[in-house]
Protein backbone atom coordinates (compact mmCIF):
# COMPACT_ATOMS: atom_id res chain seq x y z
CA MET A 1 0.00 0.00 0.00
CA PRO A 2 1.31 3.50 -0.77
CA GLN A 3 2.46 5.46 2.26
CA GLN A 4 0.12 8.21 3.38
CA PRO A 5 1.62 11.72 3.16
CA MET A 6 2.58 13.41 6.40
CA ALA A 7 -0.49 15.10 7.90
CA LEU A 8 0.19 18.74 8.78
CA ALA A 9 -1.83 21.17 10.88
CA PHE A 10 -1.16 24.87 10.34
CA VAL A 11 -1.74 27.23 13.23
CA SER A 12 -1.00 30.94 13.05
CA ALA A 13 -0.69 34.09 15.07
CA ASP A 14 -3.35 36.79 14.71
CA THR A 15 -1.22 38.91 12.41
CA GLU A 16 -2.20 39.34 8.76
CA ASN A 17 1.20 38.07 7.63
CA ALA A 18 0.88 34.81 9.59
CA GLN A 19 -2.75 34.17 8.64
CA GLU A 20 -2.09 34.69 4.95
CA ALA A 21 0.79 32.21 5.16
CA ALA A 22 -1.47 29.65 6.84
CA GLN A 23 -4.04 29.97 4.07
CA ARG A 24 -1.43 29.49 1.34
CA LEU A 25 0.19 26.51 3.03
CA SER A 26 -3.16 24.87 3.79
CA ALA A 27 -4.04 25.12 0.09
CA LEU A 28 -0.71 23.54 -0.85
CA TYR A 29 -0.48 20.76 1.73
CA GLY A 30 -3.94 20.32 3.19
CA GLN A 31 -5.11 21.12 6.71
CA GLU A 32 -5.46 18.44 9.40
CA ARG A 33 -6.93 18.99 12.83
CA PRO A 34 -4.07 19.60 15.32
CA GLU A 35 -5.05 16.62 17.47
CA ASN A 36 -4.82 14.29 14.45
CA ALA A 37 -1.77 15.79 12.74
CA ASP A 38 1.68 14.21 12.56
CA VAL A 39 3.26 17.65 12.89
CA ILE A 40 1.88 21.04 13.88
CA VAL A 41 3.35 23.92 11.87
CA ALA A 42 3.31 27.16 13.87
CA LEU A 43 3.39 30.40 11.87
CA GLY A 44 4.29 33.58 13.71
CA GLY A 45 7.05 34.80 16.00
CA ASP A 46 8.65 33.46 19.15
CA GLY A 47 5.73 34.59 21.31
CA PHE A 48 3.27 32.55 19.25
CA MET A 49 5.67 29.60 19.27
CA LEU A 50 5.76 29.67 23.08
CA GLN A 51 1.95 29.78 23.15
CA THR A 52 1.79 26.76 20.82
CA LEU A 53 4.29 24.83 22.94
CA ARG A 54 2.29 25.48 26.11
CA GLU A 55 -0.98 24.47 24.46
CA THR A 56 0.47 21.18 23.17
CA MET A 57 2.56 20.35 26.24
CA GLY A 58 2.39 16.66 27.06
CA ALA A 59 0.28 15.84 23.97
CA GLY A 60 3.13 14.04 22.18
CA LYS A 61 3.00 16.42 19.21
CA ARG A 62 5.98 17.65 17.20
CA ILE A 63 6.06 21.39 16.51
CA TYR A 64 7.77 22.92 13.48
CA GLY A 65 7.83 26.71 13.51
CA MET A 66 8.25 29.05 10.54
CA ASN A 67 8.97 32.70 11.13
CA ARG A 68 6.21 35.15 10.29
CA GLY A 69 7.14 37.47 13.16
CA SER A 70 10.18 39.57 14.02
CA ILE A 71 13.11 37.83 15.73
CA GLY A 72 12.05 34.21 15.33
CA PHE A 73 14.87 32.57 17.31
CA LEU A 74 12.68 29.52 17.91
CA MET A 75 11.51 29.43 14.30
CA ASN A 76 12.77 28.07 11.00
CA GLU A 77 13.06 30.18 7.88
CA TYR A 78 9.75 30.65 6.07
CA ARG A 79 9.64 28.86 2.72
CA GLU A 80 6.64 27.31 1.04
CA ASP A 81 8.35 24.78 -1.24
CA GLY A 82 9.24 21.22 -0.17
CA LEU A 83 7.75 21.60 3.29
CA ARG A 84 7.07 17.92 3.94
CA ASP A 85 10.66 17.01 3.02
CA ARG A 86 12.00 19.75 5.30
CA VAL A 87 9.87 18.60 8.21
CA ALA A 88 10.82 14.95 7.65
CA ALA A 89 14.54 15.84 7.73
CA ALA A 90 14.27 18.24 10.68
CA ILE A 91 16.19 17.57 13.91
CA PRO A 92 13.97 16.98 16.96
CA GLU A 93 14.81 18.68 20.25
CA THR A 94 13.02 17.92 23.52
CA VAL A 95 12.04 20.94 25.61
CA ARG A 96 11.24 20.53 29.31
CA PRO A 97 9.30 23.39 30.87
CA LEU A 98 9.44 24.83 34.35
CA GLN A 99 6.64 24.32 36.85
CA MET A 100 5.87 27.32 39.04
CA GLU A 101 3.78 27.31 42.20
CA ALA A 102 3.13 30.76 43.62
CA ILE A 103 1.25 31.89 46.72
CA ASP A 104 -0.13 35.42 46.62
CA ALA A 105 -0.87 37.88 49.42
CA ASP A 106 -4.42 36.53 49.78
CA GLY A 107 -3.21 32.96 50.24
CA ASN A 108 -4.23 31.82 46.77
CA ARG A 109 -2.05 29.06 45.32
CA VAL A 110 -1.44 29.41 41.57
CA ARG A 111 0.34 26.94 39.30
CA ALA A 112 1.70 27.70 35.84
CA VAL A 113 4.12 26.31 33.26
CA ALA A 114 6.94 28.21 31.56
CA VAL A 115 8.97 27.16 28.53
CA ASN A 116 11.40 30.11 28.77
CA GLU A 117 11.61 31.37 32.34
CA VAL A 118 9.91 32.12 35.61
CA SER A 119 10.72 35.66 36.69
CA LEU A 120 9.99 37.71 39.79
CA LEU A 121 9.75 41.45 39.22
CA ARG A 122 9.28 44.39 41.54
CA GLN A 123 5.77 45.85 41.37
CA SER A 124 6.51 49.40 42.57
CA TYR A 125 9.27 52.00 42.81
CA GLN A 126 10.69 50.07 45.79
CA ALA A 127 13.38 47.49 45.06
CA ALA A 128 12.39 43.92 45.82
CA LYS A 129 13.89 42.01 48.73
CA ILE A 130 13.96 38.27 48.10
CA ARG A 131 15.37 35.28 50.00
CA ILE A 132 16.56 32.40 47.81
CA ALA A 133 16.71 28.74 48.87
CA ILE A 134 17.95 25.82 46.76
CA ASP A 135 16.67 22.37 47.74
CA ASP A 136 15.46 23.73 51.09
CA LYS A 137 18.81 25.32 51.97
CA VAL A 138 18.95 29.12 52.05
CA ARG A 139 21.73 30.29 49.75
CA LEU A 140 21.05 34.02 49.73
CA GLU A 141 19.41 35.58 52.77
CA GLU A 142 18.54 38.84 51.04
CA LEU A 143 18.75 39.83 47.38
CA ILE A 144 17.83 43.48 46.80
CA CYS A 145 17.03 43.84 43.12
CA ASP A 146 14.59 44.74 40.38
CA GLY A 147 13.94 41.03 39.93
CA VAL A 148 15.32 37.53 39.54
CA MET A 149 14.55 34.61 37.24
CA VAL A 150 15.04 30.90 36.65
CA ALA A 151 15.56 30.17 32.94
CA THR A 152 15.57 26.92 31.00
CA PRO A 153 18.17 26.22 28.30
CA ALA A 154 15.44 27.03 25.75
CA GLY A 155 14.84 30.37 27.45
CA SER A 156 18.46 31.22 28.16
CA THR A 157 18.73 33.34 25.00
CA ALA A 158 15.60 35.36 25.82
CA TYR A 159 15.04 37.57 28.89
CA ASN A 160 17.84 35.73 30.70
CA LEU A 161 20.39 36.88 28.12
CA SER A 162 19.12 40.46 28.29
CA ALA A 163 19.79 40.33 32.05
CA HIS A 164 23.37 39.14 31.33
CA GLY A 165 22.63 35.53 32.22
CA PRO A 166 24.51 32.59 30.63
CA ILE A 167 23.54 30.96 27.35
CA LEU A 168 22.89 27.23 27.89
CA PRO A 169 22.99 24.46 25.24
CA LEU A 170 19.58 22.84 24.91
CA ASP A 171 20.84 19.45 26.14
CA ALA A 172 22.64 20.90 29.18
CA PRO A 173 21.15 19.51 32.44
CA LEU A 174 21.17 23.02 33.90
CA LEU A 175 19.00 25.96 34.86
CA ALA A 176 20.15 29.58 34.99
CA LEU A 177 19.41 31.60 38.12
CA THR A 178 19.87 35.23 37.07
CA PRO A 179 19.27 38.51 38.92
CA VAL A 180 17.81 41.60 37.28
CA SER A 181 19.68 44.79 38.28
CA PRO A 182 20.99 43.49 41.62
CA PHE A 183 21.70 46.22 44.17
CA ARG A 184 22.84 44.01 47.08
CA PRO A 185 24.91 41.88 46.74
CA ARG A 186 25.96 44.26 43.98
CA ARG A 187 28.42 41.92 42.32
CA TRP A 188 26.28 38.78 42.45
CA ARG A 189 25.80 37.56 38.89
CA GLY A 190 23.59 34.54 39.56
CA ALA A 191 24.25 30.81 39.52
CA LEU A 192 24.08 27.71 37.37
CA LEU A 193 21.88 25.05 38.94
CA SER A 194 21.25 21.38 38.28
CA ASN A 195 17.98 20.82 36.44
CA GLN A 196 17.03 18.59 39.39
CA ALA A 197 17.13 21.55 41.78
CA THR A 198 14.09 23.11 43.42
CA VAL A 199 14.29 26.89 43.82
CA ARG A 200 12.23 28.73 46.42
CA PHE A 201 11.84 32.49 46.53
CA ASP A 202 10.41 34.18 49.64
CA ILE A 203 9.45 37.83 49.36
CA LEU A 204 10.68 39.95 52.25
CA GLU A 205 8.59 42.96 53.27
CA PRO A 206 5.90 42.04 50.67
CA GLU A 207 3.49 44.82 51.65
CA LYS A 208 6.13 47.53 51.33
CA ARG A 209 7.94 45.91 48.41
CA PRO A 210 5.34 43.99 46.32
CA VAL A 211 6.56 41.53 43.71
CA ASN A 212 4.86 39.90 40.72
CA ALA A 213 5.70 36.43 39.42
CA VAL A 214 5.61 35.70 35.69
CA ALA A 215 5.74 32.26 34.05
CA ASP A 216 6.32 33.19 30.40
CA HIS A 217 3.10 35.19 29.86
CA THR A 218 1.17 34.15 32.98
CA GLU A 219 1.45 36.85 35.66
CA ILE A 220 0.50 36.58 39.33
CA LYS A 221 0.29 39.80 41.31
CA SER A 222 1.68 40.34 44.82
CA VAL A 223 3.26 36.98 45.53
CA VAL A 224 4.73 36.08 48.90
CA SER A 225 6.51 32.87 47.85
CA VAL A 226 7.32 31.08 44.61
CA VAL A 227 8.67 27.56 44.05
CA VAL A 228 10.20 26.63 40.71
CA ARG A 229 11.38 23.26 39.41
CA GLU A 230 11.80 21.59 36.05
CA SER A 231 8.91 19.39 34.99
CA HIS A 232 9.73 15.70 34.70
CA GLU A 233 6.36 14.77 33.22
CA GLU A 234 5.54 17.34 30.56
CA THR A 235 7.70 17.72 27.47
CA VAL A 236 7.31 19.00 23.94
CA THR A 237 9.31 18.26 20.80
CA VAL A 238 10.47 21.13 18.58
CA LEU A 239 11.77 20.49 15.05
CA PHE A 240 14.65 22.49 13.54
CA ASP A 241 16.02 22.45 10.01
CA GLU A 242 19.23 20.45 9.61
CA SER A 243 20.98 23.47 8.12
CA HIS A 244 20.31 25.63 11.17
CA SER A 245 19.91 23.38 14.19
CA TRP A 246 19.21 24.59 17.71
CA ASN A 247 22.75 23.76 18.85
CA GLU A 248 24.17 25.76 15.94
CA ARG A 249 22.00 28.73 16.89
CA ILE A 250 23.12 28.52 20.51
CA LEU A 251 26.78 28.31 19.51
CA SER A 252 26.41 31.30 17.19
CA GLU A 253 24.76 33.34 19.96
CA GLN A 254 27.65 32.63 22.33
CA PHE A 255 30.17 34.15 19.92
CA ARG A 256 27.97 37.14 19.13
CA TYR A 257 28.39 38.80 22.54
């Protein structure tokens, strides 16, 4: 029996550019429902790619992104020809998200997932004061700062890099703990942690110095404590063109700065 062609589902951002691309590609290759597709093709920028990864987390789907946005670090180059062959030859990379559990000032417990990073950010003109514990041992009694984050290897080239955090290869069993504008200790540049570590942040003087917690695009106001760890259950597979693999992108970024 002849082999069935690879079933593709095209999903797009709300921009005109991305939606037009989805219409053209659907006409060329057909449109399968995402739950039945072999591969989901995400059309947009990095923000839309992150949204697609969160929505398909744990579903066993492979995601192939094509850039119809601006930066597109997580995306492949947009081309309409030979798409099935490109997808079939693409290199799969497994992304493990972070799990965040935050408790706010009213005692509400909120859970969220982040592909890039979990960040804590000051909510007012007052600098934040945060205590940091790793695996139940306090490592920093008081960090005075604009914020602090835990970033995955996938997210290490995003906000983490802007805050002068390290770039991590995707297969590195590490997490980056990176401060944002630290005031005390002034020279503390963060830490590299095992991806098995559990990080706990406790907000000091939360009424005077309120802090928000953000897991990618999910924001929780006025938190008093936040626990972050890598998920060992939920994963998602991202496909990258052979000619421009994720590891090649990471290596190029490290020599750009």
